[in-house]
Amino acid sequence: MEPVIVMLIIFGSTGLILWKWIESRHRERMTMIEKGVKPAEFKGTPLRDWFRPNPLSSLKWGMLAAFVGIGIMVATYLERNLYWNDSVYPASMLIFGGLALIVFYVIASKKMNKDGE
């Protein structure tokens, strides 16, 4: 009986939050229509600028995923051939992930300097 109650609480609260969010958006839009405000006037708000997509974001996440994958392959090699213990996996993933972010920083700073000139 307890798992059923927990599941009802989890899905019920998620549904309630979603319903309230949709309802508040509807109220906001109806108020904008009543006041005669155009939605285009809100395009320059700071919140929209905060969520502006970064063109280098795909490069960053792609490099991070690729380098972490290389780190896993290196860790597998070290464990199987050199008989290192299992702790080499997180260490290798963190080292290669950090290396990816450093390489990304170098690429991004060069691109920013090139665009700034």
N, C-alpha and C. Protein backbone atom coordinates (compact mmCIF):
# COMPACT_ATOMS: atom_id res chain seq x y z
N MET A 1 0.82 -1.20 0.00
CA MET A 1 0.00 0.00 0.00
C MET A 1 0.86 1.26 0.00
N GLU A 2 1.98 1.23 0.67
CA GLU A 2 2.82 2.43 0.76
C GLU A 2 3.41 2.85 -0.57
N PRO A 3 3.90 1.92 -1.43
CA PRO A 3 4.44 2.36 -2.72
C PRO A 3 3.39 3.05 -3.60
N VAL A 4 2.13 2.63 -3.47
CA VAL A 4 1.07 3.25 -4.26
C VAL A 4 0.89 4.69 -3.82
N ILE A 5 0.91 4.93 -2.54
CA ILE A 5 0.75 6.29 -2.02
C ILE A 5 1.92 7.17 -2.45
N VAL A 6 3.12 6.63 -2.37
CA VAL A 6 4.30 7.40 -2.79
C VAL A 6 4.22 7.76 -4.27
N MET A 7 3.83 6.82 -5.10
CA MET A 7 3.72 7.08 -6.53
C MET A 7 2.64 8.12 -6.82
N LEU A 8 1.51 8.03 -6.10
CA LEU A 8 0.46 9.03 -6.27
C LEU A 8 0.95 10.41 -5.87
N ILE A 9 1.70 10.50 -4.80
CA ILE A 9 2.22 11.80 -4.36
C ILE A 9 3.20 12.35 -5.39
N ILE A 10 4.09 11.51 -5.90
CA ILE A 10 5.09 11.98 -6.87
C ILE A 10 4.42 12.47 -8.15
N PHE A 11 3.59 11.63 -8.75
CA PHE A 11 2.95 12.02 -10.01
C PHE A 11 1.90 13.11 -9.80
N GLY A 12 1.22 13.07 -8.68
CA GLY A 12 0.22 14.11 -8.40
C GLY A 12 0.85 15.47 -8.21
N SER A 13 1.95 15.53 -7.47
CA SER A 13 2.60 16.83 -7.27
C SER A 13 3.21 17.35 -8.57
N THR A 14 3.76 16.45 -9.39
CA THR A 14 4.30 16.87 -10.69
C THR A 14 3.19 17.42 -11.58
N GLY A 15 2.07 16.73 -11.61
CA GLY A 15 0.94 17.20 -12.40
C GLY A 15 0.38 18.52 -11.89
N LEU A 16 0.33 18.68 -10.58
CA LEU A 16 -0.16 19.92 -9.99
C LEU A 16 0.75 21.10 -10.33
N ILE A 17 2.05 20.90 -10.25
CA ILE A 17 3.00 21.96 -10.59
C ILE A 17 2.86 22.35 -12.06
N LEU A 18 2.76 21.36 -12.93
CA LEU A 18 2.61 21.63 -14.35
C LEU A 18 1.30 22.39 -14.63
N TRP A 19 0.22 21.97 -13.99
CA TRP A 19 -1.07 22.62 -14.18
C TRP A 19 -1.01 24.08 -13.73
N LYS A 20 -0.41 24.35 -12.58
CA LYS A 20 -0.31 25.72 -12.08
C LYS A 20 0.56 26.58 -12.98
N TRP A 21 1.61 26.00 -13.55
CA TRP A 21 2.48 26.75 -14.44
C TRP A 21 1.74 27.15 -15.72
N ILE A 22 0.97 26.20 -16.29
CA ILE A 22 0.20 26.50 -17.49
C ILE A 22 -0.88 27.53 -17.18
N GLU A 23 -1.51 27.40 -16.02
CA GLU A 23 -2.55 28.34 -15.64
C GLU A 23 -1.99 29.76 -15.45
N SER A 24 -0.82 29.87 -14.85
CA SER A 24 -0.24 31.20 -14.65
C SER A 24 0.18 31.83 -15.98
N ARG A 25 0.69 31.03 -16.92
CA ARG A 25 1.01 31.57 -18.24
C ARG A 25 -0.25 32.07 -18.95
N HIS A 26 -1.33 31.32 -18.80
CA HIS A 26 -2.59 31.72 -19.42
C HIS A 26 -3.08 33.04 -18.84
N ARG A 27 -3.03 33.17 -17.51
CA ARG A 27 -3.45 34.41 -16.87
C ARG A 27 -2.59 35.60 -17.32
N GLU A 28 -1.29 35.35 -17.41
CA GLU A 28 -0.38 36.42 -17.84
C GLU A 28 -0.70 36.87 -19.26
N ARG A 29 -0.94 35.92 -20.14
CA ARG A 29 -1.26 36.27 -21.52
C ARG A 29 -2.61 36.98 -21.63
N MET A 30 -3.59 36.54 -20.85
CA MET A 30 -4.89 37.20 -20.87
C MET A 30 -4.78 38.64 -20.35
N THR A 31 -3.96 38.84 -19.33
CA THR A 31 -3.75 40.20 -18.81
C THR A 31 -3.06 41.06 -19.84
N MET A 32 -2.12 40.51 -20.56
CA MET A 32 -1.44 41.26 -21.61
C MET A 32 -2.42 41.67 -22.71
N ILE A 33 -3.34 40.78 -23.05
CA ILE A 33 -4.34 41.10 -24.07
C ILE A 33 -5.27 42.20 -23.58
N GLU A 34 -5.69 42.11 -22.30
CA GLU A 34 -6.58 43.12 -21.74
C GLU A 34 -5.93 44.49 -21.68
N LYS A 35 -4.64 44.55 -21.36
CA LYS A 35 -3.93 45.82 -21.25
C LYS A 35 -3.48 46.36 -22.60
N GLY A 36 -3.52 45.53 -23.63
CA GLY A 36 -3.12 45.95 -24.96
C GLY A 36 -1.61 45.91 -25.17
N VAL A 37 -0.92 45.13 -24.36
CA VAL A 37 0.53 45.01 -24.49
C VAL A 37 0.84 43.93 -25.51
N LYS A 38 1.79 44.23 -26.40
CA LYS A 38 2.18 43.26 -27.41
C LYS A 38 3.29 42.36 -26.86
N PRO A 39 3.25 41.07 -27.16
CA PRO A 39 4.30 40.17 -26.69
C PRO A 39 5.68 40.54 -27.22
N ALA A 40 5.75 41.23 -28.35
CA ALA A 40 7.04 41.62 -28.93
C ALA A 40 7.78 42.61 -28.02
N GLU A 41 7.06 43.32 -27.17
CA GLU A 41 7.70 44.28 -26.27
C GLU A 41 8.51 43.58 -25.18
N PHE A 42 8.24 42.31 -24.93
CA PHE A 42 8.94 41.58 -23.89
C PHE A 42 10.16 40.82 -24.39
N LYS A 43 10.49 40.96 -25.67
CA LYS A 43 11.61 40.22 -26.22
C LYS A 43 12.95 40.71 -25.68
N GLY A 44 13.03 41.91 -25.23
CA GLY A 44 14.30 42.44 -24.74
C GLY A 44 14.47 42.35 -23.23
N THR A 45 13.65 41.56 -22.56
CA THR A 45 13.76 41.46 -21.12
C THR A 45 15.03 40.71 -20.74
N PRO A 46 15.59 41.00 -19.57
CA PRO A 46 16.83 40.34 -19.16
C PRO A 46 16.71 38.83 -19.06
N LEU A 47 15.54 38.32 -18.74
CA LEU A 47 15.38 36.88 -18.62
C LEU A 47 15.59 36.19 -19.97
N ARG A 48 15.09 36.80 -21.02
CA ARG A 48 15.29 36.22 -22.35
C ARG A 48 16.75 36.31 -22.77
N ASP A 49 17.44 37.38 -22.39
CA ASP A 49 18.86 37.50 -22.72
C ASP A 49 19.68 36.47 -21.96
N TRP A 50 19.22 36.10 -20.79
CA TRP A 50 19.94 35.12 -19.98
C TRP A 50 19.89 33.74 -20.61
N PHE A 51 18.80 33.43 -21.30
CA PHE A 51 18.64 32.12 -21.94
C PHE A 51 19.07 32.13 -23.41
N ARG A 52 19.80 33.14 -23.82
CA ARG A 52 20.25 33.22 -25.20
C ARG A 52 21.23 32.08 -25.50
N PRO A 53 21.05 31.39 -26.62
CA PRO A 53 21.94 30.25 -26.91
C PRO A 53 23.37 30.71 -27.22
N ASN A 54 24.32 29.95 -26.75
CA ASN A 54 25.72 30.23 -26.98
C ASN A 54 26.18 29.34 -28.14
N PRO A 55 26.75 29.93 -29.19
CA PRO A 55 27.15 29.10 -30.34
C PRO A 55 28.28 28.13 -30.01
N LEU A 56 29.08 28.41 -28.99
CA LEU A 56 30.17 27.51 -28.63
C LEU A 56 29.75 26.43 -27.64
N SER A 57 28.50 26.44 -27.23
CA SER A 57 28.03 25.47 -26.24
C SER A 57 28.09 24.04 -26.79
N SER A 58 27.72 23.87 -28.04
CA SER A 58 27.77 22.53 -28.63
C SER A 58 29.20 22.01 -28.69
N LEU A 59 30.14 22.88 -29.01
CA LEU A 59 31.53 22.48 -29.04
C LEU A 59 32.00 22.03 -27.66
N LYS A 60 31.62 22.79 -26.64
CA LYS A 60 32.03 22.47 -25.27
C LYS A 60 31.51 21.11 -24.84
N TRP A 61 30.22 20.88 -25.02
CA TRP A 61 29.63 19.62 -24.56
C TRP A 61 30.09 18.45 -25.41
N GLY A 62 30.30 18.67 -26.70
CA GLY A 62 30.82 17.61 -27.56
C GLY A 62 32.24 17.21 -27.18
N MET A 63 33.08 18.20 -26.92
CA MET A 63 34.45 17.90 -26.51
C MET A 63 34.47 17.19 -25.16
N LEU A 64 33.62 17.64 -24.25
CA LEU A 64 33.58 17.01 -22.93
C LEU A 64 33.16 15.54 -23.04
N ALA A 65 32.13 15.26 -23.84
CA ALA A 65 31.67 13.87 -23.99
C ALA A 65 32.74 13.02 -24.67
N ALA A 66 33.39 13.57 -25.69
CA ALA A 66 34.42 12.80 -26.40
C ALA A 66 35.61 12.51 -25.49
N PHE A 67 36.06 13.50 -24.73
CA PHE A 67 37.22 13.30 -23.87
C PHE A 67 36.90 12.36 -22.70
N VAL A 68 35.68 12.43 -22.18
CA VAL A 68 35.30 11.49 -21.12
C VAL A 68 35.25 10.07 -21.68
N GLY A 69 34.78 9.92 -22.92
CA GLY A 69 34.80 8.61 -23.57
C GLY A 69 36.22 8.09 -23.75
N ILE A 70 37.12 8.98 -24.14
CA ILE A 70 38.53 8.58 -24.26
C ILE A 70 39.08 8.20 -22.89
N GLY A 71 38.68 8.93 -21.86
CA GLY A 71 39.10 8.60 -20.51
C GLY A 71 38.63 7.23 -20.07
N ILE A 72 37.42 6.86 -20.45
CA ILE A 72 36.90 5.53 -20.12
C ILE A 72 37.71 4.45 -20.85
N MET A 73 38.03 4.71 -22.12
CA MET A 73 38.83 3.74 -22.87
C MET A 73 40.22 3.58 -22.27
N VAL A 74 40.84 4.68 -21.87
CA VAL A 74 42.16 4.62 -21.25
C VAL A 74 42.08 3.87 -19.92
N ALA A 75 41.04 4.13 -19.14
CA ALA A 75 40.88 3.44 -17.87
C ALA A 75 40.68 1.95 -18.07
N THR A 76 39.92 1.57 -19.08
CA THR A 76 39.72 0.16 -19.38
C THR A 76 41.05 -0.51 -19.76
N TYR A 77 41.84 0.19 -20.56
CA TYR A 77 43.15 -0.34 -20.93
C TYR A 77 44.05 -0.50 -19.70
N LEU A 78 44.06 0.51 -18.84
CA LEU A 78 44.91 0.44 -17.65
C LEU A 78 44.47 -0.66 -16.70
N GLU A 79 43.17 -0.87 -16.60
CA GLU A 79 42.68 -1.91 -15.69
C GLU A 79 42.97 -3.31 -16.23
N ARG A 80 42.75 -3.51 -17.51
CA ARG A 80 42.90 -4.86 -18.07
C ARG A 80 44.35 -5.25 -18.33
N ASN A 81 45.15 -4.31 -18.81
CA ASN A 81 46.52 -4.67 -19.21
C ASN A 81 47.56 -4.40 -18.12
N LEU A 82 47.36 -3.35 -17.34
CA LEU A 82 48.33 -3.03 -16.30
C LEU A 82 47.83 -3.42 -14.90
N TYR A 83 46.62 -4.00 -14.84
CA TYR A 83 46.02 -4.53 -13.61
C TYR A 83 45.88 -3.46 -12.52
N TRP A 84 45.47 -2.26 -12.94
CA TRP A 84 45.16 -1.23 -11.95
C TRP A 84 43.77 -1.52 -11.40
N ASN A 85 43.46 -0.96 -10.24
CA ASN A 85 42.14 -1.25 -9.64
C ASN A 85 41.05 -0.37 -10.27
N ASP A 86 39.82 -0.56 -9.81
CA ASP A 86 38.67 0.11 -10.41
C ASP A 86 38.65 1.62 -10.18
N SER A 87 39.44 2.12 -9.26
CA SER A 87 39.41 3.55 -8.99
C SER A 87 40.01 4.37 -10.13
N VAL A 88 40.58 3.71 -11.11
CA VAL A 88 41.16 4.43 -12.24
C VAL A 88 40.05 5.02 -13.13
N TYR A 89 38.83 4.48 -13.10
CA TYR A 89 37.75 4.98 -13.96
C TYR A 89 37.34 6.41 -13.63
N PRO A 90 36.93 6.71 -12.40
CA PRO A 90 36.55 8.11 -12.14
C PRO A 90 37.73 9.07 -12.28
N ALA A 91 38.91 8.63 -11.89
CA ALA A 91 40.07 9.51 -12.00
C ALA A 91 40.36 9.84 -13.46
N SER A 92 40.33 8.84 -14.30
CA SER A 92 40.60 9.06 -15.72
C SER A 92 39.52 9.92 -16.37
N MET A 93 38.27 9.69 -16.00
CA MET A 93 37.18 10.49 -16.55
C MET A 93 37.31 11.95 -16.14
N LEU A 94 37.66 12.20 -14.88
CA LEU A 94 37.82 13.58 -14.43
C LEU A 94 39.02 14.26 -15.06
N ILE A 95 40.11 13.53 -15.20
CA ILE A 95 41.31 14.11 -15.80
C ILE A 95 41.04 14.48 -17.26
N PHE A 96 40.47 13.55 -18.02
CA PHE A 96 40.21 13.84 -19.44
C PHE A 96 39.09 14.86 -19.61
N GLY A 97 38.10 14.87 -18.72
CA GLY A 97 37.05 15.89 -18.78
C GLY A 97 37.61 17.27 -18.51
N GLY A 98 38.48 17.37 -17.51
CA GLY A 98 39.13 18.65 -17.24
C GLY A 98 40.02 19.10 -18.38
N LEU A 99 40.71 18.16 -18.99
CA LEU A 99 41.55 18.47 -20.15
C LEU A 99 40.69 18.99 -21.31
N ALA A 100 39.51 18.41 -21.49
CA ALA A 100 38.60 18.88 -22.54
C ALA A 100 38.16 20.31 -22.29
N LEU A 101 37.86 20.64 -21.04
CA LEU A 101 37.43 22.00 -20.73
C LEU A 101 38.57 23.00 -20.88
N ILE A 102 39.79 22.58 -20.59
CA ILE A 102 40.94 23.47 -20.80
C ILE A 102 41.16 23.71 -22.29
N VAL A 103 41.08 22.66 -23.09
CA VAL A 103 41.24 22.81 -24.55
C VAL A 103 40.11 23.68 -25.10
N PHE A 104 38.89 23.49 -24.60
CA PHE A 104 37.77 24.33 -25.04
C PHE A 104 38.03 25.79 -24.69
N TYR A 105 38.55 26.04 -23.51
CA TYR A 105 38.82 27.42 -23.10
C TYR A 105 39.83 28.07 -24.05
N VAL A 106 40.86 27.34 -24.43
CA VAL A 106 41.86 27.88 -25.35
C VAL A 106 41.22 28.19 -26.71
N ILE A 107 40.41 27.27 -27.22
CA ILE A 107 39.75 27.48 -28.51
C ILE A 107 38.78 28.66 -28.43
N ALA A 108 37.99 28.73 -27.36
CA ALA A 108 36.99 29.80 -27.23
C ALA A 108 37.67 31.15 -27.06
N SER A 109 38.76 31.21 -26.29
CA SER A 109 39.41 32.51 -26.11
C SER A 109 40.05 32.98 -27.41
N LYS A 110 40.60 32.06 -28.20
CA LYS A 110 41.14 32.46 -29.50
C LYS A 110 40.04 32.96 -30.43
N LYS A 111 38.88 32.30 -30.40
CA LYS A 111 37.76 32.73 -31.23
C LYS A 111 37.23 34.08 -30.78
N MET A 112 37.16 34.30 -29.48
CA MET A 112 36.68 35.59 -28.98
C MET A 112 37.64 36.71 -29.33
N ASN A 113 38.95 36.45 -29.24
CA ASN A 113 39.93 37.47 -29.62
C ASN A 113 39.88 37.75 -31.11
N LYS A 114 39.64 36.71 -31.91
CA LYS A 114 39.56 36.88 -33.36
C LYS A 114 38.32 37.70 -33.73
N ASP A 115 37.20 37.43 -33.06
CA ASP A 115 35.97 38.18 -33.33
C ASP A 115 36.06 39.60 -32.82
N GLY A 116 36.81 39.82 -31.74
CA GLY A 116 36.93 41.15 -31.15
C GLY A 116 37.81 42.09 -31.97
N GLU A 117 38.73 41.55 -32.75
CA GLU A 117 39.65 42.39 -33.53
C GLU A 117 39.04 42.93 -34.77
